[in-house]
PDB file of N, CA and C in Angstrom:
ATOM      1  N   MET A   1     -61.976  32.340   4.226  1.00  0.00           N
ATOM      2  CA  MET A   1     -62.005  31.616   2.965  1.00  0.00           C
ATOM      3  C   MET A   1     -60.968  30.500   3.029  1.00  0.00           C
ATOM      4  N   ARG A   2     -61.352  29.321   2.632  1.00  0.00           N
ATOM      5  CA  ARG A   2     -60.445  28.171   2.570  1.00  0.00           C
ATOM      6  C   ARG A   2     -59.849  28.125   1.166  1.00  0.00           C
ATOM      7  N   VAL A   3     -58.534  28.309   1.096  1.00  0.00           N
ATOM      8  CA  VAL A   3     -57.853  28.362  -0.197  1.00  0.00           C
ATOM      9  C   VAL A   3     -57.003  27.109  -0.386  1.00  0.00           C
ATOM     10  N   LEU A   4     -57.346  26.320  -1.385  1.00  0.00           N
ATOM     11  CA  LEU A   4     -56.546  25.163  -1.772  1.00  0.00           C
ATOM     12  C   LEU A   4     -55.502  25.653  -2.765  1.00  0.00           C
ATOM     13  N   VAL A   5     -54.333  25.023  -2.772  1.00  0.00           N
ATOM     14  CA  VAL A   5     -53.242  25.481  -3.632  1.00  0.00           C
ATOM     15  C   VAL A   5     -52.846  24.395  -4.624  1.00  0.00           C
ATOM     16  N   ALA A   6     -52.694  24.784  -5.882  1.00  0.00           N
ATOM     17  CA  ALA A   6     -52.205  23.892  -6.936  1.00  0.00           C
ATOM     18  C   ALA A   6     -50.887  24.471  -7.439  1.00  0.00           C
ATOM     19  N   ARG A   7     -49.777  23.827  -7.065  1.00  0.00           N
ATOM     20  CA  ARG A   7     -48.463  24.325  -7.488  1.00  0.00           C
ATOM     21  C   ARG A   7     -47.725  23.348  -8.400  1.00  0.00           C
ATOM     22  N   SER A   8     -47.920  22.054  -8.212  1.00  0.00           N
ATOM     23  CA  SER A   8     -47.206  21.102  -9.062  1.00  0.00           C
ATOM     24  C   SER A   8     -47.839  21.104 -10.456  1.00  0.00           C
ATOM     25  N   PHE A   9     -47.090  20.609 -11.434  1.00  0.00           N
ATOM     26  CA  PHE A   9     -47.599  20.548 -12.801  1.00  0.00           C
ATOM     27  C   PHE A   9     -48.914  19.776 -12.853  1.00  0.00           C
ATOM     28  N   LEU A  10     -48.972  18.625 -12.197  1.00  0.00           N
ATOM     29  CA  LEU A  10     -50.178  17.800 -12.211  1.00  0.00           C
ATOM     30  C   LEU A  10     -51.346  18.519 -11.537  1.00  0.00           C
ATOM     31  N   GLN A  11     -51.111  19.131 -10.385  1.00  0.00           N
ATOM     32  CA  GLN A  11     -52.177  19.859  -9.687  1.00  0.00           C
ATOM     33  C   GLN A  11     -52.704  21.010 -10.540  1.00  0.00           C
ATOM     34  N   ARG A  12     -51.794  21.749 -11.170  1.00  0.00           N
ATOM     35  CA  ARG A  12     -52.202  22.892 -11.989  1.00  0.00           C
ATOM     36  C   ARG A  12     -52.951  22.435 -13.233  1.00  0.00           C
ATOM     37  N   THR A  13     -52.521  21.333 -13.828  1.00  0.00           N
ATOM     38  CA  THR A  13     -53.177  20.810 -15.022  1.00  0.00           C
ATOM     39  C   THR A  13     -54.584  20.320 -14.696  1.00  0.00           C
ATOM     40  N   ARG A  14     -54.733  19.659 -13.571  1.00  0.00           N
ATOM     41  CA  ARG A  14     -56.032  19.113 -13.183  1.00  0.00           C
ATOM     42  C   ARG A  14     -56.985  20.207 -12.725  1.00  0.00           C
ATOM     43  N   GLY A  15     -56.496  21.150 -11.940  1.00  0.00           N
ATOM     44  CA  GLY A  15     -57.351  22.230 -11.453  1.00  0.00           C
ATOM     45  C   GLY A  15     -58.599  21.708 -10.772  1.00  0.00           C
ATOM     46  N   LEU A  16     -59.754  22.137 -11.249  1.00  0.00           N
ATOM     47  CA  LEU A  16     -61.036  21.727 -10.663  1.00  0.00           C
ATOM     48  C   LEU A  16     -61.703  20.583 -11.422  1.00  0.00           C
ATOM     49  N   LEU A  17     -61.033  20.035 -12.433  1.00  0.00           N
ATOM     50  CA  LEU A  17     -61.621  18.931 -13.192  1.00  0.00           C
ATOM     51  C   LEU A  17     -61.863  17.732 -12.287  1.00  0.00           C
ATOM     52  N   GLY A  18     -62.997  17.092 -12.462  1.00  0.00           N
ATOM     53  CA  GLY A  18     -63.298  15.884 -11.713  1.00  0.00           C
ATOM     54  C   GLY A  18     -63.878  16.133 -10.335  1.00  0.00           C
ATOM     55  N   ARG A  19     -64.248  17.351 -10.048  1.00  0.00           N
ATOM     56  CA  ARG A  19     -64.863  17.630  -8.751  1.00  0.00           C
ATOM     57  C   ARG A  19     -66.102  18.491  -8.966  1.00  0.00           C
ATOM     58  N   GLY A  20     -66.877  18.627  -7.929  1.00  0.00           N
ATOM     59  CA  GLY A  20     -68.086  19.440  -8.010  1.00  0.00           C
ATOM     60  C   GLY A  20     -67.774  20.914  -7.836  1.00  0.00           C
ATOM     61  N   PRO A  21     -68.811  21.735  -7.858  1.00  0.00           N
ATOM     62  CA  PRO A  21     -68.622  23.178  -7.713  1.00  0.00           C
ATOM     63  C   PRO A  21     -67.951  23.548  -6.392  1.00  0.00           C
ATOM     64  N   LEU A  22     -67.246  24.663  -6.401  1.00  0.00           N
ATOM     65  CA  LEU A  22     -66.633  25.187  -5.187  1.00  0.00           C
ATOM     66  C   LEU A  22     -67.715  25.691  -4.243  1.00  0.00           C
ATOM     67  N   ALA A  23     -67.487  25.519  -2.944  1.00  0.00           N
ATOM     68  CA  ALA A  23     -68.374  26.103  -1.945  1.00  0.00           C
ATOM     69  C   ALA A  23     -68.167  27.617  -1.950  1.00  0.00           C
ATOM     70  N   ALA A  24     -69.107  28.349  -1.397  1.00  0.00           N
ATOM     71  CA  ALA A  24     -69.029  29.813  -1.382  1.00  0.00           C
ATOM     72  C   ALA A  24     -67.792  30.315  -0.654  1.00  0.00           C
ATOM     73  N   ASP A  25     -67.279  29.528   0.296  1.00  0.00           N
ATOM     74  CA  ASP A  25     -66.117  29.952   1.099  1.00  0.00           C
ATOM     75  C   ASP A  25     -64.843  29.200   0.721  1.00  0.00           C
ATOM     76  N   GLU A  26     -64.780  28.701  -0.500  1.00  0.00           N
ATOM     77  CA  GLU A  26     -63.658  27.880  -0.951  1.00  0.00           C
ATOM     78  C   GLU A  26     -63.090  28.459  -2.250  1.00  0.00           C
ATOM     79  N   ALA A  27     -61.768  28.351  -2.414  1.00  0.00           N
ATOM     80  CA  ALA A  27     -61.119  28.832  -3.640  1.00  0.00           C
ATOM     81  C   ALA A  27     -59.939  27.931  -3.967  1.00  0.00           C
ATOM     82  N   LEU A  28     -59.508  27.977  -5.216  1.00  0.00           N
ATOM     83  CA  LEU A  28     -58.317  27.260  -5.658  1.00  0.00           C
ATOM     84  C   LEU A  28     -57.333  28.283  -6.198  1.00  0.00           C
ATOM     85  N   LEU A  29     -56.135  28.328  -5.613  1.00  0.00           N
ATOM     86  CA  LEU A  29     -55.062  29.196  -6.084  1.00  0.00           C
ATOM     87  C   LEU A  29     -54.151  28.370  -6.974  1.00  0.00           C
ATOM     88  N   ILE A  30     -54.011  28.766  -8.236  1.00  0.00           N
ATOM     89  CA  ILE A  30     -53.138  28.077  -9.183  1.00  0.00           C
ATOM     90  C   ILE A  30     -51.918  28.967  -9.392  1.00  0.00           C
ATOM     91  N   ASP A  31     -50.755  28.450  -8.990  1.00  0.00           N
ATOM     92  CA  ASP A  31     -49.528  29.257  -8.970  1.00  0.00           C
ATOM     93  C   ASP A  31     -48.342  28.412  -9.414  1.00  0.00           C
ATOM     94  N   PRO A  32     -47.689  28.777 -10.524  1.00  0.00           N
ATOM     95  CA  PRO A  32     -47.911  29.918 -11.403  1.00  0.00           C
ATOM     96  C   PRO A  32     -48.995  29.623 -12.432  1.00  0.00           C
ATOM     97  N   CYS A  33     -49.607  30.695 -12.932  1.00  0.00           N
ATOM     98  CA  CYS A  33     -50.659  30.539 -13.940  1.00  0.00           C
ATOM     99  C   CYS A  33     -51.038  31.900 -14.503  1.00  0.00           C
ATOM    100  N   TRP A  34     -51.320  31.958 -15.792  1.00  0.00           N
ATOM    101  CA  TRP A  34     -51.827  33.187 -16.413  1.00  0.00           C
ATOM    102  C   TRP A  34     -52.989  32.915 -17.366  1.00  0.00           C
ATOM    103  N   SER A  35     -53.354  31.626 -17.518  1.00  0.00           N
ATOM    104  CA  SER A  35     -54.432  31.251 -18.424  1.00  0.00           C
ATOM    105  C   SER A  35     -55.148  30.022 -17.872  1.00  0.00           C
ATOM    106  N   VAL A  36     -56.476  30.016 -17.946  1.00  0.00           N
ATOM    107  CA  VAL A  36     -57.256  28.871 -17.476  1.00  0.00           C
ATOM    108  C   VAL A  36     -58.328  28.538 -18.509  1.00  0.00           C
ATOM    109  N   HIS A  37     -58.865  27.328 -18.386  1.00  0.00           N
ATOM    110  CA  HIS A  37     -60.000  26.934 -19.218  1.00  0.00           C
ATOM    111  C   HIS A  37     -61.009  26.217 -18.339  1.00  0.00           C
ATOM    112  N   THR A  38     -62.235  26.148 -18.833  1.00  0.00           N
ATOM    113  CA  THR A  38     -63.280  25.432 -18.105  1.00  0.00           C
ATOM    114  C   THR A  38     -63.814  24.269 -18.947  1.00  0.00           C
ATOM    115  N   PHE A  39     -62.963  23.730 -19.829  1.00  0.00           N
ATOM    116  CA  PHE A  39     -63.356  22.577 -20.640  1.00  0.00           C
ATOM    117  C   PHE A  39     -63.650  21.394 -19.723  1.00  0.00           C
ATOM    118  N   GLY A  40     -64.769  20.740 -19.929  1.00  0.00           N
ATOM    119  CA  GLY A  40     -65.117  19.561 -19.157  1.00  0.00           C
ATOM    120  C   GLY A  40     -65.723  19.855 -17.798  1.00  0.00           C
ATOM    121  N   MET A  41     -65.851  21.114 -17.448  1.00  0.00           N
ATOM    122  CA  MET A  41     -66.448  21.462 -16.161  1.00  0.00           C
ATOM    123  C   MET A  41     -67.947  21.671 -16.346  1.00  0.00           C
ATOM    124  N   GLY A  42     -68.709  21.327 -15.340  1.00  0.00           N
ATOM    125  CA  GLY A  42     -70.158  21.463 -15.412  1.00  0.00           C
ATOM    126  C   GLY A  42     -70.688  22.659 -14.645  1.00  0.00           C
ATOM    127  N   PHE A  43     -69.817  23.604 -14.314  1.00  0.00           N
ATOM    128  CA  PHE A  43     -70.243  24.755 -13.516  1.00  0.00           C
ATOM    129  C   PHE A  43     -69.371  25.963 -13.845  1.00  0.00           C
ATOM    130  N   ALA A  44     -69.909  27.141 -13.595  1.00  0.00           N
ATOM    131  CA  ALA A  44     -69.181  28.390 -13.823  1.00  0.00           C
ATOM    132  C   ALA A  44     -68.296  28.708 -12.617  1.00  0.00           C
ATOM    133  N   ILE A  45     -67.269  29.530 -12.840  1.00  0.00           N
ATOM    134  CA  ILE A  45     -66.381  29.971 -11.761  1.00  0.00           C
ATOM    135  C   ILE A  45     -66.011  31.438 -11.968  1.00  0.00           C
ATOM    136  N   ASP A  46     -65.707  32.110 -10.863  1.00  0.00           N
ATOM    137  CA  ASP A  46     -65.064  33.417 -10.943  1.00  0.00           C
ATOM    138  C   ASP A  46     -63.572  33.166 -11.076  1.00  0.00           C
ATOM    139  N   VAL A  47     -62.904  33.915 -11.932  1.00  0.00           N
ATOM    140  CA  VAL A  47     -61.470  33.765 -12.162  1.00  0.00           C
ATOM    141  C   VAL A  47     -60.802  35.107 -11.868  1.00  0.00           C
ATOM    142  N   VAL A  48     -59.865  35.093 -10.916  1.00  0.00           N
ATOM    143  CA  VAL A  48     -59.174  36.311 -10.505  1.00  0.00           C
ATOM    144  C   VAL A  48     -57.703  36.166 -10.880  1.00  0.00           C
ATOM    145  N   PHE A  49     -57.212  37.044 -11.745  1.00  0.00           N
ATOM    146  CA  PHE A  49     -55.812  37.025 -12.167  1.00  0.00           C
ATOM    147  C   PHE A  49     -55.017  37.956 -11.260  1.00  0.00           C
ATOM    148  N   ILE A  50     -53.911  37.441 -10.718  1.00  0.00           N
ATOM    149  CA  ILE A  50     -53.132  38.142  -9.702  1.00  0.00           C
ATOM    150  C   ILE A  50     -51.685  38.266 -10.161  1.00  0.00           C
ATOM    151  N   ASP A  51     -51.065  39.434  -9.935  1.00  0.00           N
ATOM    152  CA  ASP A  51     -49.654  39.596 -10.291  1.00  0.00           C
ATOM    153  C   ASP A  51     -48.756  39.101  -9.161  1.00  0.00           C
ATOM    154  N   ALA A  52     -47.450  39.187  -9.358  1.00  0.00           N
ATOM    155  CA  ALA A  52     -46.480  38.655  -8.391  1.00  0.00           C
ATOM    156  C   ALA A  52     -46.518  39.379  -7.049  1.00  0.00           C
ATOM    157  N   ARG A  53     -47.061  40.590  -7.002  1.00  0.00           N
ATOM    158  CA  ARG A  53     -47.167  41.347  -5.747  1.00  0.00           C
ATOM    159  C   ARG A  53     -48.472  41.070  -5.013  1.00  0.00           C
ATOM    160  N   GLY A  54     -49.357  40.280  -5.623  1.00  0.00           N
ATOM    161  CA  GLY A  54     -50.639  39.983  -4.999  1.00  0.00           C
ATOM    162  C   GLY A  54     -51.742  40.956  -5.366  1.00  0.00           C
ATOM    163  N   THR A  55     -51.506  41.768  -6.393  1.00  0.00           N
ATOM    164  CA  THR A  55     -52.506  42.736  -6.844  1.00  0.00           C
ATOM    165  C   THR A  55     -53.375  42.115  -7.935  1.00  0.00           C
ATOM    166  N   VAL A  56     -54.671  42.334  -7.848  1.00  0.00           N
ATOM    167  CA  VAL A  56     -55.602  41.822  -8.851  1.00  0.00           C
ATOM    168  C   VAL A  56     -55.419  42.599 -10.155  1.00  0.00           C
ATOM    169  N   LEU A  57     -55.191  41.862 -11.229  1.00  0.00           N
ATOM    170  CA  LEU A  57     -55.057  42.460 -12.561  1.00  0.00           C
ATOM    171  C   LEU A  57     -56.382  42.464 -13.318  1.00  0.00           C
ATOM    172  N   ALA A  58     -57.133  41.373 -13.186  1.00  0.00           N
ATOM    173  CA  ALA A  58     -58.395  41.233 -13.917  1.00  0.00           C
ATOM    174  C   ALA A  58     -59.276  40.209 -13.217  1.00  0.00           C
ATOM    175  N   VAL A  59     -60.571  40.340 -13.424  1.00  0.00           N
ATOM    176  CA  VAL A  59     -61.543  39.394 -12.874  1.00  0.00           C
ATOM    177  C   VAL A  59     -62.507  39.009 -13.985  1.00  0.00           C
ATOM    178  N   ARG A  60     -62.712  37.719 -14.157  1.00  0.00           N
ATOM    179  CA  ARG A  60     -63.751  37.212 -15.062  1.00  0.00           C
ATOM    180  C   ARG A  60     -64.810  36.569 -14.180  1.00  0.00           C
ATOM    181  N   GLU A  61     -65.957  37.206 -14.068  1.00  0.00           N
ATOM    182  CA  GLU A  61     -67.019  36.694 -13.213  1.00  0.00           C
ATOM    183  C   GLU A  61     -67.842  35.638 -13.942  1.00  0.00           C
ATOM    184  N   ALA A  62     -68.154  34.561 -13.225  1.00  0.00           N
ATOM    185  CA  ALA A  62     -69.019  33.491 -13.721  1.00  0.00           C
ATOM    186  C   ALA A  62     -68.601  32.996 -15.108  1.00  0.00           C
ATOM    187  N   LEU A  63     -67.321  32.666 -15.255  1.00  0.00           N
ATOM    188  CA  LEU A  63     -66.827  32.098 -16.511  1.00  0.00           C
ATOM    189  C   LEU A  63     -67.527  30.758 -16.736  1.00  0.00           C
ATOM    190  N   ALA A  64     -68.266  30.660 -17.809  1.00  0.00           N
ATOM    191  CA  ALA A  64     -69.081  29.478 -18.099  1.00  0.00           C
ATOM    192  C   ALA A  64     -68.213  28.292 -18.510  1.00  0.00           C
ATOM    193  N   PRO A  65     -68.775  27.072 -18.413  1.00  0.00           N
ATOM    194  CA  PRO A  65     -68.047  25.899 -18.903  1.00  0.00           C
ATOM    195  C   PRO A  65     -67.687  26.045 -20.384  1.00  0.00           C
ATOM    196  N   TRP A  66     -66.593  25.400 -20.772  1.00  0.00           N
ATOM    197  CA  TRP A  66     -66.100  25.364 -22.143  1.00  0.00           C
ATOM    198  C   TRP A  66     -65.617  26.733 -22.639  1.00  0.00           C
ATOM    199  N   ARG A  67     -65.012  27.492 -21.730  1.00  0.00           N
ATOM    200  CA  ARG A  67     -64.464  28.805 -22.077  1.00  0.00           C
ATOM    201  C   ARG A  67     -62.992  28.882 -21.696  1.00  0.00           C
ATOM    202  N   VAL A  68     -62.290  29.887 -22.207  1.00  0.00           N
ATOM    203  CA  VAL A  68     -60.883  30.144 -21.892  1.00  0.00           C
ATOM    204  C   VAL A  68     -60.773  31.586 -21.416  1.00  0.00           C
ATOM    205  N   ALA A  69     -59.904  31.813 -20.442  1.00  0.00           N
ATOM    206  CA  ALA A  69     -59.617  33.176 -19.984  1.00  0.00           C
ATOM    207  C   ALA A  69     -58.124  33.277 -19.720  1.00  0.00           C
ATOM    208  N   HIS A  70     -57.547  34.426 -20.063  1.00  0.00           N
ATOM    209  CA  HIS A  70     -56.124  34.623 -19.806  1.00  0.00           C
ATOM    210  C   HIS A  70     -55.859  36.096 -19.510  1.00  0.00           C
ATOM    211  N   CYS A  71     -54.701  36.338 -18.902  1.00  0.00           N
ATOM    212  CA  CYS A  71     -54.307  37.705 -18.574  1.00  0.00           C
ATOM    213  C   CYS A  71     -52.788  37.777 -18.591  1.00  0.00           C
ATOM    214  N   LEU A  72     -52.247  38.455 -19.591  1.00  0.00           N
ATOM    215  CA  LEU A  72     -50.796  38.625 -19.654  1.00  0.00           C
ATOM    216  C   LEU A  72     -50.324  39.400 -18.429  1.00  0.00           C
ATOM    217  N   GLY A  73     -49.237  38.949 -17.844  1.00  0.00           N
ATOM    218  CA  GLY A  73     -48.701  39.590 -16.656  1.00  0.00           C
ATOM    219  C   GLY A  73     -49.146  38.949 -15.362  1.00  0.00           C
ATOM    220  N   ALA A  74     -50.125  38.047 -15.440  1.00  0.00           N
ATOM    221  CA  ALA A  74     -50.579  37.365 -14.226  1.00  0.00           C
ATOM    222  C   ALA A  74     -49.533  36.348 -13.780  1.00  0.00           C
ATOM    223  N   ALA A  75     -49.369  36.218 -12.483  1.00  0.00           N
ATOM    224  CA  ALA A  75     -48.462  35.231 -11.906  1.00  0.00           C
ATOM    225  C   ALA A  75     -49.239  34.057 -11.330  1.00  0.00           C
ATOM    226  N   ALA A  76     -50.495  34.293 -10.968  1.00  0.00           N
ATOM    227  CA  ALA A  76     -51.325  33.258 -10.355  1.00  0.00           C
ATOM    228  C   ALA A  76     -52.787  33.545 -10.673  1.00  0.00           C
ATOM    229  N   VAL A  77     -53.605  32.518 -10.480  1.00  0.00           N
ATOM    230  CA  VAL A  77     -55.046  32.637 -10.697  1.00  0.00           C
ATOM    231  C   VAL A  77     -55.761  32.080  -9.476  1.00  0.00           C
ATOM    232  N   LEU A  78     -56.777  32.790  -9.053  1.00  0.00           N
ATOM    233  CA  LEU A  78     -57.635  32.338  -7.967  1.00  0.00           C
ATOM    234  C   LEU A  78     -58.981  31.982  -8.588  1.00  0.00           C
ATOM    235  N   GLU A  79     -59.385  30.714  -8.474  1.00  0.00           N
ATOM    236  CA  GLU A  79     -60.682  30.272  -8.978  1.00  0.00           C
ATOM    237  C   GLU A  79     -61.634  30.187  -7.795  1.00  0.00           C
ATOM    238  N   MET A  80     -62.820  30.762  -7.959  1.00  0.00           N
ATOM    239  CA  MET A  80     -63.782  30.873  -6.865  1.00  0.00           C
ATOM    240  C   MET A  80     -65.186  30.558  -7.367  1.00  0.00           C
ATOM    241  N   ALA A  81     -66.102  30.329  -6.436  1.00  0.00           N
ATOM    242  CA  ALA A  81     -67.506  30.141  -6.788  1.00  0.00           C
ATOM    243  C   ALA A  81     -68.046  31.429  -7.410  1.00  0.00           C
ATOM    244  N   PRO A  82     -69.019  31.316  -8.305  1.00  0.00           N
ATOM    245  CA  PRO A  82     -69.589  32.519  -8.907  1.00  0.00           C
ATOM    246  C   PRO A  82     -70.091  33.494  -7.835  1.00  0.00           C
ATOM    247  N   GLY A  83     -69.731  34.752  -7.988  1.00  0.00           N
ATOM    248  CA  GLY A  83     -70.133  35.779  -7.034  1.00  0.00           C
ATOM    249  C   GLY A  83     -69.158  35.999  -5.899  1.00  0.00           C
ATOM    250  N   ALA A  84     -68.232  35.064  -5.696  1.00  0.00           N
ATOM    251  CA  ALA A  84     -67.299  35.160  -4.567  1.00  0.00           C
ATOM    252  C   ALA A  84     -66.302  36.298  -4.739  1.00  0.00           C
ATOM    253  N   ALA A  85     -65.832  36.533  -5.946  1.00  0.00           N
ATOM    254  CA  ALA A  85     -64.854  37.605  -6.163  1.00  0.00           C
ATOM    255  C   ALA A  85     -65.453  38.956  -5.781  1.00  0.00           C
ATOM    256  N   ARG A  86     -66.664  39.206  -6.207  1.00  0.00           N
ATOM    257  CA  ARG A  86     -67.338  40.464  -5.869  1.00  0.00           C
ATOM    258  C   ARG A  86     -67.598  40.548  -4.365  1.00  0.00           C
ATOM    259  N   ARG A  87     -68.058  39.452  -3.782  1.00  0.00           N
ATOM    260  CA  ARG A  87     -68.342  39.412  -2.339  1.00  0.00           C
ATOM    261  C   ARG A  87     -67.085  39.688  -1.515  1.00  0.00           C
ATOM    262  N   GLU A  88     -65.934  39.220  -1.996  1.00  0.00           N
ATOM    263  CA  GLU A  88     -64.666  39.419  -1.288  1.00  0.00           C
ATOM    264  C   GLU A  88     -64.004  40.751  -1.644  1.00  0.00           C
ATOM    265  N   GLY A  89     -64.625  41.532  -2.509  1.00  0.00           N
ATOM    266  CA  GLY A  89     -64.088  42.842  -2.870  1.00  0.00           C
ATOM    267  C   GLY A  89     -62.893  42.791  -3.803  1.00  0.00           C
ATOM    268  N   LEU A  90     -62.778  41.707  -4.575  1.00  0.00           N
ATOM    269  CA  LEU A  90     -61.651  41.557  -5.495  1.00  0.00           C
ATOM    270  C   LEU A  90     -61.969  42.245  -6.819  1.00  0.00           C
ATOM    271  N   ALA A  91     -61.167  43.244  -7.147  1.00  0.00           N
ATOM    272  CA  ALA A  91     -61.334  44.014  -8.376  1.00  0.00           C
ATOM    273  C   ALA A  91     -59.954  44.482  -8.817  1.00  0.00           C
ATOM    274  N   PRO A  92     -59.786  44.801 -10.099  1.00  0.00           N
ATOM    275  CA  PRO A  92     -58.479  45.264 -10.568  1.00  0.00           C
ATOM    276  C   PRO A  92     -57.931  46.404  -9.705  1.00  0.00           C
ATOM    277  N   GLY A  93     -56.649  46.256  -9.347  1.00  0.00           N
ATOM    278  CA  GLY A  93     -55.980  47.241  -8.512  1.00  0.00           C
ATOM    279  C   GLY A  93     -56.050  46.955  -7.024  1.00  0.00           C
ATOM    280  N   ARG A  94     -56.951  46.065  -6.615  1.00  0.00           N
ATOM    281  CA  ARG A  94     -57.092  45.714  -5.198  1.00  0.00           C
ATOM    282  C   ARG A  94     -56.137  44.576  -4.858  1.00  0.00           C
ATOM    283  N   SER A  95     -55.817  44.427  -3.585  1.00  0.00           N
ATOM    284  CA  SER A  95     -54.919  43.365  -3.134  1.00  0.00           C
ATOM    285  C   SER A  95     -55.696  42.074  -2.883  1.00  0.00           C
ATOM    286  N   ALA A  96     -55.111  40.950  -3.288  1.00  0.00           N
ATOM    287  CA  ALA A  96     -55.689  39.634  -3.019  1.00  0.00           C
ATOM    288  C   ALA A  96     -54.900  38.917  -1.933  1.00  0.00           C
ATOM    289  N   ARG A  97     -53.910  39.589  -1.356  1.00  0.00           N
ATOM    290  CA  ARG A  97     -53.033  38.937  -0.379  1.00  0.00           C
ATOM    291  C   ARG A  97     -53.774  38.448   0.854  1.00  0.00           C
ATOM    292  N   ARG A  98     -54.813  39.153   1.288  1.00  0.00           N
ATOM    293  CA  ARG A  98     -55.569  38.726   2.474  1.00  0.00           C
ATOM    294  C   ARG A  98     -56.153  37.329   2.259  1.00  0.00           C
ATOM    295  N   ILE A  99     -56.666  37.074   1.088  1.00  0.00           N
ATOM    296  CA  ILE A  99     -57.278  35.779   0.800  1.00  0.00           C
ATOM    297  C   ILE A  99     -56.218  34.713   0.564  1.00  0.00           C
ATOM    298  N   CYS A 100     -55.135  35.077  -0.084  1.00  0.00           N
ATOM    299  CA  CYS A 100     -54.096  34.109  -0.438  1.00  0.00           C
ATOM    300  C   CYS A 100     -53.050  33.927   0.659  1.00  0.00           C
ATOM    301  N   ALA A 101     -53.163  34.629   1.766  1.00  0.00           N
ATOM    302  CA  ALA A 101     -52.116  34.630   2.794  1.00  0.00           C
ATOM    303  C   ALA A 101     -51.956  33.301   3.511  1.00  0.00           C
ATOM    304  N   ALA A 102     -53.034  32.595   3.771  1.00  0.00           N
ATOM    305  CA  ALA A 102     -52.939  31.362   4.563  1.00  0.00           C
ATOM    306  C   ALA A 102     -53.602  30.201   3.835  1.00  0.00           C
ATOM    307  N   PRO A 103     -53.074  29.843   2.666  1.00  0.00           N
ATOM    308  CA  PRO A 103     -53.693  28.758   1.906  1.00  0.00           C
ATOM    309  C   PRO A 103     -53.468  27.396   2.552  1.00  0.00           C
ATOM    310  N   HIS A 104     -54.390  26.492   2.293  1.00  0.00           N
ATOM    311  CA  HIS A 104     -54.264  25.095   2.715  1.00  0.00           C
ATOM    312  C   HIS A 104     -53.517  24.347   1.620  1.00  0.00           C
ATOM    313  N   ALA A 105     -52.632  23.459   2.005  1.00  0.00           N
ATOM    314  CA  ALA A 105     -51.860  22.695   1.008  1.00  0.00           C
ATOM    315  C   ALA A 105     -52.731  21.671   0.335  1.00  0.00           C
TER     316      ALA A 105
END
């Protein structure tokens, strides 16, 4: 999986706005983050909330455009193509470190 990272304020604010849907093997890690929105997006995304240890806290599958999702206690969010979270075995209590281990800047 190719993981892009958004760490600066501008990168985190922009997120996936202004781009097309994520490829099946692509994700965006937003760090730090505990809340996301899909305002202005034309496609759904899987949203994986991760704690500071890399453990999945919650997953919102196929979050539609113009929606908000949040998870108290999350340290980061992984945004993925619809179906990718399930395909990668990401579920509450599971580790996301394998996917987030070698992100692309």
